[in-house]
């Protein structure tokens, strides 16, 4: 078994990274204060771990454009 960190993570891991609960996360996402785009894979929603880490390093700004390609 690998100890590598997966590049795509679910909201539960995001919540742990941000030290917030599920309700707070979904409220942030709904209001636009969580600017990371979700990725849908076979019905599952995932987030790019690298982008979240960059967003956290930037101070979690709501208007962050780091995920624009």
C-alpha atoms as a PDB file:
ATOM      1  CA  UNK A   1       0.000   0.000   0.000  1.00  0.00           C
ATOM      2  CA  UNK A   2       1.244   3.468  -0.920  1.00  0.00           C
ATOM      3  CA  UNK A   3       1.608   6.339   1.536  1.00  0.00           C
ATOM      4  CA  UNK A   4       1.418   8.920  -1.259  1.00  0.00           C
ATOM      5  CA  UNK A   5      -1.016  11.770  -0.857  1.00  0.00           C
ATOM      6  CA  UNK A   6      -3.790  11.507  -3.447  1.00  0.00           C
ATOM      7  CA  UNK A   7      -3.951  14.463  -5.870  1.00  0.00           C
ATOM      8  CA  UNK A   8      -7.764  14.554  -5.779  1.00  0.00           C
ATOM      9  CA  UNK A   9      -9.537  14.682  -2.444  1.00  0.00           C
ATOM     10  CA  UNK A  10     -13.124  14.756  -1.200  1.00  0.00           C
ATOM     11  CA  UNK A  11     -14.785  17.401   0.951  1.00  0.00           C
ATOM     12  CA  UNK A  12     -13.989  15.504   4.161  1.00  0.00           C
ATOM     13  CA  UNK A  13     -10.257  15.892   3.562  1.00  0.00           C
ATOM     14  CA  UNK A  14     -10.768  19.544   2.603  1.00  0.00           C
ATOM     15  CA  UNK A  15     -12.602  20.082   5.897  1.00  0.00           C
ATOM     16  CA  UNK A  16      -9.699  18.556   7.828  1.00  0.00           C
ATOM     17  CA  UNK A  17      -7.208  20.729   5.941  1.00  0.00           C
ATOM     18  CA  UNK A  18      -9.230  23.838   6.811  1.00  0.00           C
ATOM     19  CA  UNK A  19     -10.185  22.705  10.327  1.00  0.00           C
ATOM     20  CA  UNK A  20     -13.860  23.308   9.634  1.00  0.00           C
ATOM     21  CA  UNK A  21     -16.991  21.207   9.724  1.00  0.00           C
ATOM     22  CA  UNK A  22     -19.099  19.910   6.866  1.00  0.00           C
ATOM     23  CA  UNK A  23     -21.767  22.618   7.216  1.00  0.00           C
ATOM     24  CA  UNK A  24     -19.169  25.394   7.207  1.00  0.00           C
ATOM     25  CA  UNK A  25     -17.538  23.943   4.093  1.00  0.00           C
ATOM     26  CA  UNK A  26     -20.801  23.717   2.161  1.00  0.00           C
ATOM     27  CA  UNK A  27     -21.770  27.230   3.296  1.00  0.00           C
ATOM     28  CA  UNK A  28     -18.411  28.528   2.030  1.00  0.00           C
ATOM     29  CA  UNK A  29     -18.855  26.741  -1.262  1.00  0.00           C
ATOM     30  CA  UNK A  30     -22.447  27.963  -1.694  1.00  0.00           C
ATOM     31  CA  UNK A  31     -21.532  31.584  -0.940  1.00  0.00           C
ATOM     32  CA  UNK A  32     -18.481  31.600  -3.216  1.00  0.00           C
ATOM     33  CA  UNK A  33     -15.926  31.910  -0.410  1.00  0.00           C
ATOM     34  CA  UNK A  34     -14.413  28.565  -1.490  1.00  0.00           C
ATOM     35  CA  UNK A  35     -13.071  29.344  -4.974  1.00  0.00           C
ATOM     36  CA  UNK A  36     -11.667  25.924  -5.892  1.00  0.00           C
ATOM     37  CA  UNK A  37     -13.552  24.274  -8.731  1.00  0.00           C
ATOM     38  CA  UNK A  38     -14.956  20.840  -8.087  1.00  0.00           C
ATOM     39  CA  UNK A  39     -14.050  17.910 -10.314  1.00  0.00           C
ATOM     40  CA  UNK A  40     -16.715  15.293 -11.011  1.00  0.00           C
ATOM     41  CA  UNK A  41     -15.575  11.700 -11.526  1.00  0.00           C
ATOM     42  CA  UNK A  42     -18.297   9.125 -12.104  1.00  0.00           C
ATOM     43  CA  UNK A  43     -20.689  11.072  -9.896  1.00  0.00           C
ATOM     44  CA  UNK A  44     -18.129  11.691  -7.133  1.00  0.00           C
ATOM     45  CA  UNK A  45     -16.997  15.254  -6.382  1.00  0.00           C
ATOM     46  CA  UNK A  46     -13.290  15.790  -5.787  1.00  0.00           C
ATOM     47  CA  UNK A  47     -10.958  18.764  -5.377  1.00  0.00           C
ATOM     48  CA  UNK A  48      -7.368  19.277  -6.505  1.00  0.00           C
ATOM     49  CA  UNK A  49      -5.206  19.044  -3.384  1.00  0.00           C
ATOM     50  CA  UNK A  50      -2.419  21.178  -4.884  1.00  0.00           C
ATOM     51  CA  UNK A  51      -4.798  24.044  -5.617  1.00  0.00           C
ATOM     52  CA  UNK A  52      -6.226  23.915  -2.113  1.00  0.00           C
ATOM     53  CA  UNK A  53      -2.732  23.979  -0.616  1.00  0.00           C
ATOM     54  CA  UNK A  54      -1.851  27.021  -2.775  1.00  0.00           C
ATOM     55  CA  UNK A  55      -5.094  28.709  -1.756  1.00  0.00           C
ATOM     56  CA  UNK A  56      -4.369  28.097   1.931  1.00  0.00           C
ATOM     57  CA  UNK A  57      -0.802  29.416   1.480  1.00  0.00           C
ATOM     58  CA  UNK A  58      -2.298  32.568  -0.099  1.00  0.00           C
ATOM     59  CA  UNK A  59      -4.435  33.130   3.019  1.00  0.00           C
ATOM     60  CA  UNK A  60      -7.720  31.629   1.737  1.00  0.00           C
ATOM     61  CA  UNK A  61      -8.915  34.690  -0.205  1.00  0.00           C
ATOM     62  CA  UNK A  62     -12.455  34.403  -1.575  1.00  0.00           C
ATOM     63  CA  UNK A  63     -11.477  36.104  -4.846  1.00  0.00           C
ATOM     64  CA  UNK A  64      -8.488  33.822  -5.521  1.00  0.00           C
ATOM     65  CA  UNK A  65      -7.910  33.113  -9.209  1.00  0.00           C
ATOM     66  CA  UNK A  66      -5.232  30.451  -8.830  1.00  0.00           C
ATOM     67  CA  UNK A  67      -7.359  27.719 -10.370  1.00  0.00           C
ATOM     68  CA  UNK A  68      -8.026  29.554 -13.627  1.00  0.00           C
ATOM     69  CA  UNK A  69      -6.516  27.777 -16.587  1.00  0.00           C
END
